[in-house]
Amino acid sequence: MKVVQNFDAFYRAEYRSVARLAHVLTGNLAAGEEIAQEGFLAALKSWEEIGSYESPAGWVRRVVANKAVSRRRRLAIEDRYLAWFRPSEPSELSSPTIDVIDAIRTLSARQAQAIALHYFSDLSLVEVADIMGCSVESVRTHLKRARTRLAELLGDSS
């Protein structure tokens, strides 16, 4: 196996995009950065193998997307059990970007992954399908359903 590039160059080239993906999927900048770091650490541990892949960045994005889904599931379980400890507070969020990210986080995990990978990481449908481990047609379906749901959630009547 031939390593296509050194890990440092790979990390510098891909970190911002992967961290942005993780931020969108988690809705939390710090958690997104942590998950991105975990993804890159996993790649570094096996860099001789991962670096020889056709798309090491796709591998890292898949790891990050899966970790974000795991975090989402864990937090949902925690929320169910800890909800009675938290007082209800009105939201102070008013930014349209934050509203979109919050809406994305209410989608199914697969729909959120497809939206974040395609629109926020600017990946092609083929790249998204590879990262998600599904067909391009499945990605199209996830995107269509996600866009429909986001339009409902965000009040877009078009």
Protein backbone atom coordinates (compact mmCIF):
# COMPACT_ATOMS: atom_id res chain seq x y z
CA MET A 1 0.00 0.00 0.00
CA LYS A 2 1.25 3.43 -0.91
CA VAL A 3 0.44 6.42 1.32
CA VAL A 4 -0.86 9.18 -0.97
CA GLN A 5 0.17 12.08 1.22
CA ASN A 6 1.56 12.67 4.63
CA PHE A 7 -0.93 12.97 7.43
CA ASP A 8 -0.02 16.56 8.32
CA ALA A 9 -0.80 17.80 4.81
CA PHE A 10 -4.03 15.79 4.76
CA TYR A 11 -5.08 17.21 8.13
CA ARG A 12 -4.37 20.81 7.12
CA ALA A 13 -6.25 20.38 3.84
CA GLU A 14 -9.35 18.70 5.30
CA TYR A 15 -9.78 19.85 8.89
CA ARG A 16 -11.95 22.93 8.31
CA SER A 17 -14.39 21.07 6.07
CA VAL A 18 -14.65 18.09 8.41
CA ALA A 19 -15.06 20.32 11.48
CA ARG A 20 -17.82 22.26 9.70
CA LEU A 21 -19.58 18.98 8.90
CA ALA A 22 -19.35 17.89 12.53
CA HIS A 23 -20.59 21.31 13.71
CA VAL A 24 -23.64 21.10 11.46
CA LEU A 25 -24.42 17.54 12.53
CA THR A 26 -24.06 18.28 16.25
CA GLY A 27 -25.28 21.87 16.32
CA ASN A 28 -22.46 22.62 18.73
CA LEU A 29 -19.13 24.12 17.70
CA ALA A 30 -17.10 22.61 20.54
CA ALA A 31 -18.65 19.16 20.16
CA GLY A 32 -18.14 19.36 16.40
CA GLU A 33 -14.46 20.19 16.82
CA GLU A 34 -14.05 17.35 19.30
CA ILE A 35 -15.71 14.85 16.97
CA ALA A 36 -13.60 16.10 14.04
CA GLN A 37 -10.46 15.59 16.12
CA GLU A 38 -11.61 12.07 17.02
CA GLY A 39 -12.12 11.30 13.34
CA PHE A 40 -8.65 12.51 12.43
CA LEU A 41 -7.12 10.67 15.38
CA ALA A 42 -8.72 7.44 14.17
CA ALA A 43 -7.23 8.07 10.71
CA LEU A 44 -3.81 8.83 12.16
CA LYS A 45 -3.75 5.58 14.14
CA SER A 46 -4.12 3.62 10.88
CA TRP A 47 -2.66 6.18 8.47
CA GLU A 48 -0.61 3.65 6.49
CA GLU A 49 -3.87 1.97 5.50
CA ILE A 50 -6.24 4.98 5.49
CA GLY A 51 -3.76 7.16 3.60
CA SER A 52 -3.74 4.69 0.75
CA TYR A 53 -7.51 4.78 0.29
CA GLU A 54 -8.93 6.46 -2.77
CA SER A 55 -10.64 8.95 -0.47
CA PRO A 56 -9.13 9.20 3.01
CA ALA A 57 -11.23 12.35 3.53
CA GLY A 58 -14.37 10.35 2.80
CA TRP A 59 -13.31 7.79 5.40
CA VAL A 60 -12.81 10.52 8.01
CA ARG A 61 -16.17 12.10 7.12
CA ARG A 62 -17.88 8.75 7.56
CA VAL A 63 -16.28 8.31 10.99
CA VAL A 64 -17.32 11.85 11.95
CA ALA A 65 -20.88 11.39 10.68
CA ASN A 66 -21.20 8.13 12.63
CA LYS A 67 -19.79 9.72 15.80
CA ALA A 68 -22.23 12.62 15.43
CA VAL A 69 -25.14 10.18 15.14
CA SER A 70 -23.91 8.30 18.22
CA ARG A 71 -23.64 11.58 20.13
CA ARG A 72 -27.14 12.56 19.02
CA ARG A 73 -28.56 9.25 20.25
CA ARG A 74 -26.72 9.51 23.57
CA LEU A 75 -27.94 13.07 24.12
CA ALA A 76 -31.52 12.11 23.27
CA ILE A 77 -31.41 9.39 25.90
CA GLU A 78 -29.87 11.78 28.42
CA ASP A 79 -32.51 14.40 27.63
CA ARG A 80 -35.31 11.96 28.30
CA TYR A 81 -33.95 11.11 31.72
CA LEU A 82 -32.77 14.57 32.73
CA ALA A 83 -35.53 16.76 31.28
CA TRP A 84 -37.20 17.30 34.63
CA PHE A 85 -33.98 18.85 36.05
CA ARG A 86 -33.92 21.66 33.50
CA PRO A 87 -36.16 24.69 33.79
CA SER A 88 -37.76 25.74 30.54
CA GLU A 89 -36.09 28.81 29.08
CA PRO A 90 -37.09 30.86 26.07
CA SER A 91 -34.68 30.58 23.18
CA GLU A 92 -32.39 33.51 22.56
CA LEU A 93 -31.44 32.28 19.09
CA SER A 94 -32.48 34.51 16.25
CA SER A 95 -29.91 33.92 13.53
CA PRO A 96 -31.35 32.30 10.38
CA THR A 97 -28.25 30.07 10.20
CA ILE A 98 -28.79 28.81 13.72
CA ASP A 99 -32.46 28.23 12.90
CA VAL A 100 -31.48 26.10 9.90
CA ILE A 101 -28.92 24.13 11.90
CA ASP A 102 -31.46 23.55 14.66
CA ALA A 103 -34.01 22.39 12.07
CA ILE A 104 -31.45 20.02 10.53
CA ARG A 105 -30.86 18.48 13.93
CA THR A 106 -34.57 17.53 14.14
CA LEU A 107 -34.34 15.47 10.96
CA SER A 108 -33.68 11.76 11.00
CA ALA A 109 -30.00 10.96 11.39
CA ARG A 110 -29.66 9.85 7.75
CA GLN A 111 -31.44 12.94 6.41
CA ALA A 112 -29.27 15.24 8.57
CA GLN A 113 -26.14 13.47 7.37
CA ALA A 114 -27.15 13.79 3.72
CA ILE A 115 -27.97 17.52 4.06
CA ALA A 116 -24.78 18.31 5.98
CA LEU A 117 -22.52 16.35 3.67
CA HIS A 118 -24.07 17.61 0.45
CA TYR A 119 -24.80 21.24 1.25
CA PHE A 120 -22.43 22.17 4.07
CA SER A 121 -19.45 20.06 2.98
CA ASP A 122 -20.21 20.65 -0.71
CA LEU A 123 -19.82 16.99 -1.63
CA SER A 124 -21.28 15.33 -4.70
CA LEU A 125 -24.07 12.79 -4.41
CA VAL A 126 -21.56 10.03 -5.20
CA GLU A 127 -19.24 11.18 -2.40
CA VAL A 128 -22.16 11.45 0.04
CA ALA A 129 -23.33 7.95 -0.91
CA ASP A 130 -19.84 6.58 -0.35
CA ILE A 131 -19.54 8.21 3.07
CA MET A 132 -23.02 7.14 4.14
CA GLY A 133 -22.55 3.62 2.79
CA CYS A 134 -25.63 3.69 0.59
CA SER A 135 -26.64 4.20 -3.04
CA VAL A 136 -26.82 7.56 -4.81
CA GLU A 137 -30.57 7.00 -5.16
CA SER A 138 -30.89 6.60 -1.39
CA VAL A 139 -29.02 9.86 -0.92
CA ARG A 140 -31.42 11.58 -3.35
CA THR A 141 -34.35 10.21 -1.36
CA HIS A 142 -32.88 11.36 1.95
CA LEU A 143 -32.20 14.83 0.50
CA LYS A 144 -35.69 15.17 -0.97
CA ARG A 145 -37.37 14.16 2.27
CA ALA A 146 -35.04 16.39 4.28
CA ARG A 147 -35.71 19.43 2.07
CA THR A 148 -39.45 18.85 2.32
CA ARG A 149 -39.27 18.59 6.10
CA LEU A 150 -36.99 21.63 6.41
CA ALA A 151 -39.40 23.66 4.29
CA GLU A 152 -42.19 22.69 6.70
CA LEU A 153 -40.10 23.45 9.77
CA LEU A 154 -38.77 26.76 8.48
CA GLY A 155 -42.07 27.96 7.03
CA ASP A 156 -41.08 27.98 3.37
CA SER A 157 -44.26 27.83 1.35
CA SER A 158 -42.59 27.49 -2.08
